[in-house]
Amino acid sequence: MLPLYGLAVVAAKQGDPAAFVAATIVVAQATMALASLIAVRMSERRGLWWLMLVSFAALPVRAAIAASAIKAWSEASGHR
């Protein structure tokens, strides 16, 4: 999903493409490091079933947030 997000921002001509993609990769890696720590605790307390359920539910939520962010940036800059 991250490469598609980067392509959408580049297509909308929003900022420096290289810096944007680099920043999103760093943020994604930092988020995954934190999520892995939370996942260990969650699996110990509630089991792997709940961890898998949260994992699968998070993907459409992330996609919706990314899509709305692209749309908001495009509308703010006058691109459609």
PDB file of N, CA and C in Angstrom:
ATOM      1  N   MET A   1       0.818  -1.186   0.000  1.00  0.00           N
ATOM      2  CA  MET A   1       0.000   0.000   0.000  1.00  0.00           C
ATOM      3  C   MET A   1       0.867   1.258   0.000  1.00  0.00           C
ATOM      4  N   LEU A   2       2.019   1.210   0.616  1.00  0.00           N
ATOM      5  CA  LEU A   2       2.885   2.380   0.684  1.00  0.00           C
ATOM      6  C   LEU A   2       3.373   2.848  -0.683  1.00  0.00           C
ATOM      7  N   PRO A   3       3.790   1.963  -1.595  1.00  0.00           N
ATOM      8  CA  PRO A   3       4.188   2.437  -2.932  1.00  0.00           C
ATOM      9  C   PRO A   3       3.032   3.106  -3.680  1.00  0.00           C
ATOM     10  N   LEU A   4       1.822   2.575  -3.542  1.00  0.00           N
ATOM     11  CA  LEU A   4       0.670   3.198  -4.199  1.00  0.00           C
ATOM     12  C   LEU A   4       0.381   4.579  -3.619  1.00  0.00           C
ATOM     13  N   TYR A   5       0.544   4.705  -2.323  1.00  0.00           N
ATOM     14  CA  TYR A   5       0.345   5.990  -1.662  1.00  0.00           C
ATOM     15  C   TYR A   5       1.367   7.008  -2.165  1.00  0.00           C
ATOM     16  N   GLY A   6       2.614   6.598  -2.284  1.00  0.00           N
ATOM     17  CA  GLY A   6       3.653   7.479  -2.805  1.00  0.00           C
ATOM     18  C   GLY A   6       3.382   7.894  -4.234  1.00  0.00           C
ATOM     19  N   LEU A   7       2.920   6.950  -5.063  1.00  0.00           N
ATOM     20  CA  LEU A   7       2.585   7.281  -6.448  1.00  0.00           C
ATOM     21  C   LEU A   7       1.429   8.265  -6.533  1.00  0.00           C
ATOM     22  N   ALA A   8       0.449   8.121  -5.665  1.00  0.00           N
ATOM     23  CA  ALA A   8      -0.697   9.035  -5.674  1.00  0.00           C
ATOM     24  C   ALA A   8      -0.274  10.454  -5.304  1.00  0.00           C
ATOM     25  N   VAL A   9       0.618  10.580  -4.351  1.00  0.00           N
ATOM     26  CA  VAL A   9       1.096  11.911  -3.957  1.00  0.00           C
ATOM     27  C   VAL A   9       1.918  12.533  -5.076  1.00  0.00           C
ATOM     28  N   VAL A  10       2.750  11.736  -5.729  1.00  0.00           N
ATOM     29  CA  VAL A  10       3.552  12.230  -6.847  1.00  0.00           C
ATOM     30  C   VAL A  10       2.635  12.641  -7.996  1.00  0.00           C
ATOM     31  N   ALA A  11       1.613  11.851  -8.281  1.00  0.00           N
ATOM     32  CA  ALA A  11       0.686  12.172  -9.359  1.00  0.00           C
ATOM     33  C   ALA A  11      -0.081  13.454  -9.073  1.00  0.00           C
ATOM     34  N   ALA A  12      -0.354  13.727  -7.792  1.00  0.00           N
ATOM     35  CA  ALA A  12      -1.057  14.949  -7.411  1.00  0.00           C
ATOM     36  C   ALA A  12      -0.100  16.137  -7.305  1.00  0.00           C
ATOM     37  N   LYS A  13       1.198  15.885  -7.564  1.00  0.00           N
ATOM     38  CA  LYS A  13       2.239  16.926  -7.512  1.00  0.00           C
ATOM     39  C   LYS A  13       2.262  17.620  -6.150  1.00  0.00           C
ATOM     40  N   GLN A  14       2.342  16.802  -5.110  1.00  0.00           N
ATOM     41  CA  GLN A  14       2.377  17.300  -3.745  1.00  0.00           C
ATOM     42  C   GLN A  14       3.779  17.168  -3.170  1.00  0.00           C
ATOM     43  N   GLY A  15       4.532  18.219  -3.121  1.00  0.00           N
ATOM     44  CA  GLY A  15       5.832  18.206  -2.473  1.00  0.00           C
ATOM     45  C   GLY A  15       6.917  17.459  -3.228  1.00  0.00           C
ATOM     46  N   ASP A  16       8.022  17.243  -2.550  1.00  0.00           N
ATOM     47  CA  ASP A  16       9.184  16.548  -3.103  1.00  0.00           C
ATOM     48  C   ASP A  16       8.940  15.039  -3.026  1.00  0.00           C
ATOM     49  N   PRO A  17       8.868  14.360  -4.173  1.00  0.00           N
ATOM     50  CA  PRO A  17       8.544  12.927  -4.156  1.00  0.00           C
ATOM     51  C   PRO A  17       9.540  12.077  -3.365  1.00  0.00           C
ATOM     52  N   ALA A  18      10.827  12.312  -3.533  1.00  0.00           N
ATOM     53  CA  ALA A  18      11.831  11.500  -2.840  1.00  0.00           C
ATOM     54  C   ALA A  18      11.756  11.688  -1.331  1.00  0.00           C
ATOM     55  N   ALA A  19      11.633  12.924  -0.892  1.00  0.00           N
ATOM     56  CA  ALA A  19      11.543  13.194   0.544  1.00  0.00           C
ATOM     57  C   ALA A  19      10.260  12.627   1.130  1.00  0.00           C
ATOM     58  N   PHE A  20       9.168  12.713   0.378  1.00  0.00           N
ATOM     59  CA  PHE A  20       7.897  12.195   0.869  1.00  0.00           C
ATOM     60  C   PHE A  20       7.947  10.678   1.036  1.00  0.00           C
ATOM     61  N   VAL A  21       8.445   9.987   0.032  1.00  0.00           N
ATOM     62  CA  VAL A  21       8.525   8.526   0.109  1.00  0.00           C
ATOM     63  C   VAL A  21       9.472   8.107   1.226  1.00  0.00           C
ATOM     64  N   ALA A  22      10.587   8.789   1.362  1.00  0.00           N
ATOM     65  CA  ALA A  22      11.529   8.461   2.444  1.00  0.00           C
ATOM     66  C   ALA A  22      10.882   8.667   3.812  1.00  0.00           C
ATOM     67  N   ALA A  23      10.167   9.776   3.977  1.00  0.00           N
ATOM     68  CA  ALA A  23       9.512  10.047   5.259  1.00  0.00           C
ATOM     69  C   ALA A  23       8.433   9.011   5.563  1.00  0.00           C
ATOM     70  N   THR A  24       7.655   8.617   4.557  1.00  0.00           N
ATOM     71  CA  THR A  24       6.612   7.626   4.819  1.00  0.00           C
ATOM     72  C   THR A  24       7.203   6.262   5.171  1.00  0.00           C
ATOM     73  N   ILE A  25       8.341   5.928   4.595  1.00  0.00           N
ATOM     74  CA  ILE A  25       8.989   4.657   4.937  1.00  0.00           C
ATOM     75  C   ILE A  25       9.489   4.682   6.376  1.00  0.00           C
ATOM     76  N   VAL A  26      10.089   5.789   6.792  1.00  0.00           N
ATOM     77  CA  VAL A  26      10.579   5.905   8.171  1.00  0.00           C
ATOM     78  C   VAL A  26       9.417   5.835   9.153  1.00  0.00           C
ATOM     79  N   VAL A  27       8.333   6.544   8.859  1.00  0.00           N
ATOM     80  CA  VAL A  27       7.155   6.517   9.744  1.00  0.00           C
ATOM     81  C   VAL A  27       6.564   5.111   9.802  1.00  0.00           C
ATOM     82  N   ALA A  28       6.479   4.446   8.658  1.00  0.00           N
ATOM     83  CA  ALA A  28       5.925   3.090   8.629  1.00  0.00           C
ATOM     84  C   ALA A  28       6.772   2.129   9.455  1.00  0.00           C
ATOM     85  N   GLN A  29       8.082   2.220   9.352  1.00  0.00           N
ATOM     86  CA  GLN A  29       8.958   1.328  10.113  1.00  0.00           C
ATOM     87  C   GLN A  29       8.878   1.600  11.610  1.00  0.00           C
ATOM     88  N   ALA A  30       8.817   2.870  11.982  1.00  0.00           N
ATOM     89  CA  ALA A  30       8.696   3.215  13.406  1.00  0.00           C
ATOM     90  C   ALA A  30       7.354   2.726  13.960  1.00  0.00           C
ATOM     91  N   THR A  31       6.308   2.873  13.180  1.00  0.00           N
ATOM     92  CA  THR A  31       4.993   2.402  13.601  1.00  0.00           C
ATOM     93  C   THR A  31       4.986   0.888  13.773  1.00  0.00           C
ATOM     94  N   MET A  32       5.625   0.174  12.852  1.00  0.00           N
ATOM     95  CA  MET A  32       5.654  -1.279  12.951  1.00  0.00           C
ATOM     96  C   MET A  32       6.474  -1.754  14.143  1.00  0.00           C
ATOM     97  N   ALA A  33       7.525  -1.029  14.500  1.00  0.00           N
ATOM     98  CA  ALA A  33       8.305  -1.395  15.687  1.00  0.00           C
ATOM     99  C   ALA A  33       7.437  -1.276  16.940  1.00  0.00           C
ATOM    100  N   LEU A  34       6.684  -0.194  17.037  1.00  0.00           N
ATOM    101  CA  LEU A  34       5.778  -0.006  18.174  1.00  0.00           C
ATOM    102  C   LEU A  34       4.651  -1.036  18.142  1.00  0.00           C
ATOM    103  N   ALA A  35       4.099  -1.290  16.965  1.00  0.00           N
ATOM    104  CA  ALA A  35       3.005  -2.261  16.840  1.00  0.00           C
ATOM    105  C   ALA A  35       3.455  -3.669  17.219  1.00  0.00           C
ATOM    106  N   SER A  36       4.691  -4.012  16.918  1.00  0.00           N
ATOM    107  CA  SER A  36       5.167  -5.352  17.271  1.00  0.00           C
ATOM    108  C   SER A  36       5.261  -5.530  18.785  1.00  0.00           C
ATOM    109  N   LEU A  37       5.643  -4.472  19.492  1.00  0.00           N
ATOM    110  CA  LEU A  37       5.679  -4.542  20.956  1.00  0.00           C
ATOM    111  C   LEU A  37       4.277  -4.702  21.532  1.00  0.00           C
ATOM    112  N   ILE A  38       3.337  -3.966  20.973  1.00  0.00           N
ATOM    113  CA  ILE A  38       1.951  -4.069  21.420  1.00  0.00           C
ATOM    114  C   ILE A  38       1.385  -5.445  21.081  1.00  0.00           C
ATOM    115  N   ALA A  39       1.748  -5.968  19.924  1.00  0.00           N
ATOM    116  CA  ALA A  39       1.239  -7.276  19.499  1.00  0.00           C
ATOM    117  C   ALA A  39       1.688  -8.395  20.433  1.00  0.00           C
ATOM    118  N   VAL A  40       2.906  -8.323  20.904  1.00  0.00           N
ATOM    119  CA  VAL A  40       3.396  -9.348  21.834  1.00  0.00           C
ATOM    120  C   VAL A  40       2.566  -9.345  23.108  1.00  0.00           C
ATOM    121  N   ARG A  41       2.340  -8.158  23.641  1.00  0.00           N
ATOM    122  CA  ARG A  41       1.531  -8.060  24.863  1.00  0.00           C
ATOM    123  C   ARG A  41       0.102  -8.532  24.625  1.00  0.00           C
ATOM    124  N   MET A  42      -0.451  -8.122  23.493  1.00  0.00           N
ATOM    125  CA  MET A  42      -1.834  -8.496  23.182  1.00  0.00           C
ATOM    126  C   MET A  42      -1.970 -10.006  23.014  1.00  0.00           C
ATOM    127  N   SER A  43      -1.011 -10.637  22.356  1.00  0.00           N
ATOM    128  CA  SER A  43      -1.088 -12.087  22.157  1.00  0.00           C
ATOM    129  C   SER A  43      -0.938 -12.837  23.469  1.00  0.00           C
ATOM    130  N   GLU A  44      -0.168 -12.295  24.393  1.00  0.00           N
ATOM    131  CA  GLU A  44      -0.022 -12.936  25.697  1.00  0.00           C
ATOM    132  C   GLU A  44      -1.303 -12.836  26.520  1.00  0.00           C
ATOM    133  N   ARG A  45      -1.980 -11.709  26.417  1.00  0.00           N
ATOM    134  CA  ARG A  45      -3.171 -11.476  27.235  1.00  0.00           C
ATOM    135  C   ARG A  45      -4.437 -12.058  26.626  1.00  0.00           C
ATOM    136  N   ARG A  46      -4.624 -11.900  25.322  1.00  0.00           N
ATOM    137  CA  ARG A  46      -5.889 -12.276  24.701  1.00  0.00           C
ATOM    138  C   ARG A  46      -5.782 -13.432  23.720  1.00  0.00           C
ATOM    139  N   GLY A  47      -4.596 -13.815  23.344  1.00  0.00           N
ATOM    140  CA  GLY A  47      -4.417 -14.920  22.401  1.00  0.00           C
ATOM    141  C   GLY A  47      -4.212 -14.420  20.978  1.00  0.00           C
ATOM    142  N   LEU A  48      -3.806 -15.335  20.135  1.00  0.00           N
ATOM    143  CA  LEU A  48      -3.479 -14.979  18.757  1.00  0.00           C
ATOM    144  C   LEU A  48      -4.701 -14.660  17.918  1.00  0.00           C
ATOM    145  N   TRP A  49      -5.860 -15.230  18.242  1.00  0.00           N
ATOM    146  CA  TRP A  49      -7.073 -14.971  17.463  1.00  0.00           C
ATOM    147  C   TRP A  49      -7.396 -13.479  17.441  1.00  0.00           C
ATOM    148  N   TRP A  50      -7.372 -12.830  18.581  1.00  0.00           N
ATOM    149  CA  TRP A  50      -7.685 -11.390  18.643  1.00  0.00           C
ATOM    150  C   TRP A  50      -6.630 -10.566  17.919  1.00  0.00           C
ATOM    151  N   LEU A  51      -5.398 -10.999  18.015  1.00  0.00           N
ATOM    152  CA  LEU A  51      -4.321 -10.297  17.314  1.00  0.00           C
ATOM    153  C   LEU A  51      -4.532 -10.348  15.804  1.00  0.00           C
ATOM    154  N   MET A  52      -4.901 -11.506  15.291  1.00  0.00           N
ATOM    155  CA  MET A  52      -5.173 -11.642  13.859  1.00  0.00           C
ATOM    156  C   MET A  52      -6.390 -10.817  13.450  1.00  0.00           C
ATOM    157  N   LEU A  53      -7.409 -10.786  14.265  1.00  0.00           N
ATOM    158  CA  LEU A  53      -8.613 -10.013  13.966  1.00  0.00           C
ATOM    159  C   LEU A  53      -8.295  -8.527  13.875  1.00  0.00           C
ATOM    160  N   VAL A  54      -7.539  -8.015  14.818  1.00  0.00           N
ATOM    161  CA  VAL A  54      -7.151  -6.599  14.800  1.00  0.00           C
ATOM    162  C   VAL A  54      -6.262  -6.311  13.588  1.00  0.00           C
ATOM    163  N   SER A  55      -5.374  -7.230  13.270  1.00  0.00           N
ATOM    164  CA  SER A  55      -4.479  -7.045  12.124  1.00  0.00           C
ATOM    165  C   SER A  55      -5.253  -6.929  10.817  1.00  0.00           C
ATOM    166  N   PHE A  56      -6.203  -7.821  10.620  1.00  0.00           N
ATOM    167  CA  PHE A  56      -6.988  -7.791   9.383  1.00  0.00           C
ATOM    168  C   PHE A  56      -7.933  -6.592   9.334  1.00  0.00           C
ATOM    169  N   ALA A  57      -8.421  -6.152  10.476  1.00  0.00           N
ATOM    170  CA  ALA A  57      -9.320  -4.997  10.515  1.00  0.00           C
ATOM    171  C   ALA A  57      -8.559  -3.692  10.280  1.00  0.00           C
ATOM    172  N   ALA A  58      -7.288  -3.666  10.591  1.00  0.00           N
ATOM    173  CA  ALA A  58      -6.510  -2.432  10.461  1.00  0.00           C
ATOM    174  C   ALA A  58      -6.233  -2.049   9.014  1.00  0.00           C
ATOM    175  N   LEU A  59      -6.134  -3.007   8.117  1.00  0.00           N
ATOM    176  CA  LEU A  59      -5.782  -2.703   6.729  1.00  0.00           C
ATOM    177  C   LEU A  59      -6.813  -1.824   6.033  1.00  0.00           C
ATOM    178  N   PRO A  60      -8.110  -2.119   6.072  1.00  0.00           N
ATOM    179  CA  PRO A  60      -9.060  -1.211   5.425  1.00  0.00           C
ATOM    180  C   PRO A  60      -9.120   0.159   6.096  1.00  0.00           C
ATOM    181  N   VAL A  61      -8.880   0.199   7.395  1.00  0.00           N
ATOM    182  CA  VAL A  61      -8.864   1.490   8.090  1.00  0.00           C
ATOM    183  C   VAL A  61      -7.692   2.331   7.594  1.00  0.00           C
ATOM    184  N   ARG A  62      -6.524   1.703   7.469  1.00  0.00           N
ATOM    185  CA  ARG A  62      -5.352   2.418   6.941  1.00  0.00           C
ATOM    186  C   ARG A  62      -5.591   2.892   5.517  1.00  0.00           C
ATOM    187  N   ALA A  63      -6.217   2.073   4.701  1.00  0.00           N
ATOM    188  CA  ALA A  63      -6.498   2.448   3.314  1.00  0.00           C
ATOM    189  C   ALA A  63      -7.454   3.634   3.257  1.00  0.00           C
ATOM    190  N   ALA A  64      -8.464   3.648   4.097  1.00  0.00           N
ATOM    191  CA  ALA A  64      -9.421   4.756   4.119  1.00  0.00           C
ATOM    192  C   ALA A  64      -8.751   6.053   4.564  1.00  0.00           C
ATOM    193  N   ILE A  65      -7.882   5.968   5.548  1.00  0.00           N
ATOM    194  CA  ILE A  65      -7.166   7.162   6.014  1.00  0.00           C
ATOM    195  C   ILE A  65      -6.256   7.694   4.917  1.00  0.00           C
ATOM    196  N   ALA A  66      -5.529   6.808   4.253  1.00  0.00           N
ATOM    197  CA  ALA A  66      -4.628   7.228   3.175  1.00  0.00           C
ATOM    198  C   ALA A  66      -5.413   7.845   2.021  1.00  0.00           C
ATOM    199  N   ALA A  67      -6.536   7.235   1.657  1.00  0.00           N
ATOM    200  CA  ALA A  67      -7.342   7.764   0.556  1.00  0.00           C
ATOM    201  C   ALA A  67      -7.912   9.129   0.898  1.00  0.00           C
ATOM    202  N   SER A  68      -8.363   9.317   2.118  1.00  0.00           N
ATOM    203  CA  SER A  68      -8.915  10.623   2.495  1.00  0.00           C
ATOM    204  C   SER A  68      -7.826  11.684   2.583  1.00  0.00           C
ATOM    205  N   ALA A  69      -6.615  11.284   2.989  1.00  0.00           N
ATOM    206  CA  ALA A  69      -5.514  12.247   3.052  1.00  0.00           C
ATOM    207  C   ALA A  69      -5.118  12.708   1.653  1.00  0.00           C
ATOM    208  N   ILE A  70      -5.060  11.785   0.696  1.00  0.00           N
ATOM    209  CA  ILE A  70      -4.735  12.145  -0.685  1.00  0.00           C
ATOM    210  C   ILE A  70      -5.795  13.070  -1.249  1.00  0.00           C
ATOM    211  N   LYS A  71      -7.065  12.735  -0.990  1.00  0.00           N
ATOM    212  CA  LYS A  71      -8.168  13.549  -1.501  1.00  0.00           C
ATOM    213  C   LYS A  71      -8.118  14.950  -0.896  1.00  0.00           C
ATOM    214  N   ALA A  72      -7.855  15.056   0.393  1.00  0.00           N
ATOM    215  CA  ALA A  72      -7.784  16.352   1.061  1.00  0.00           C
ATOM    216  C   ALA A  72      -6.633  17.189   0.508  1.00  0.00           C
ATOM    217  N   TRP A  73      -5.460  16.568   0.281  1.00  0.00           N
ATOM    218  CA  TRP A  73      -4.327  17.300  -0.262  1.00  0.00           C
ATOM    219  C   TRP A  73      -4.616  17.782  -1.683  1.00  0.00           C
ATOM    220  N   SER A  74      -5.254  16.924  -2.467  1.00  0.00           N
ATOM    221  CA  SER A  74      -5.557  17.299  -3.850  1.00  0.00           C
ATOM    222  C   SER A  74      -6.547  18.461  -3.905  1.00  0.00           C
ATOM    223  N   GLU A  75      -7.565  18.419  -3.058  1.00  0.00           N
ATOM    224  CA  GLU A  75      -8.552  19.498  -3.041  1.00  0.00           C
ATOM    225  C   GLU A  75      -7.950  20.785  -2.508  1.00  0.00           C
ATOM    226  N   ALA A  76      -7.063  20.693  -1.526  1.00  0.00           N
ATOM    227  CA  ALA A  76      -6.456  21.892  -0.961  1.00  0.00           C
ATOM    228  C   ALA A  76      -5.540  22.593  -1.948  1.00  0.00           C
ATOM    229  N   SER A  77      -4.906  21.806  -2.827  1.00  0.00           N
ATOM    230  CA  SER A  77      -3.986  22.407  -3.794  1.00  0.00           C
ATOM    231  C   SER A  77      -4.657  22.734  -5.111  1.00  0.00           C
ATOM    232  N   GLY A  78      -5.939  22.397  -5.258  1.00  0.00           N
ATOM    233  CA  GLY A  78      -6.654  22.711  -6.483  1.00  0.00           C
ATOM    234  C   GLY A  78      -6.555  21.640  -7.543  1.00  0.00           C
ATOM    235  N   HIS A  79      -5.939  20.487  -7.252  1.00  0.00           N
ATOM    236  CA  HIS A  79      -5.845  19.375  -8.218  1.00  0.00           C
ATOM    237  C   HIS A  79      -7.026  18.435  -8.001  1.00  0.00           C
ATOM    238  N   ARG A  80      -7.437  17.763  -9.048  1.00  0.00           N
ATOM    239  CA  ARG A  80      -8.510  16.763  -8.910  1.00  0.00           C
ATOM    240  C   ARG A  80      -8.148  15.533  -9.645  1.00  0.00           C
TER     241      ARG A  80
END
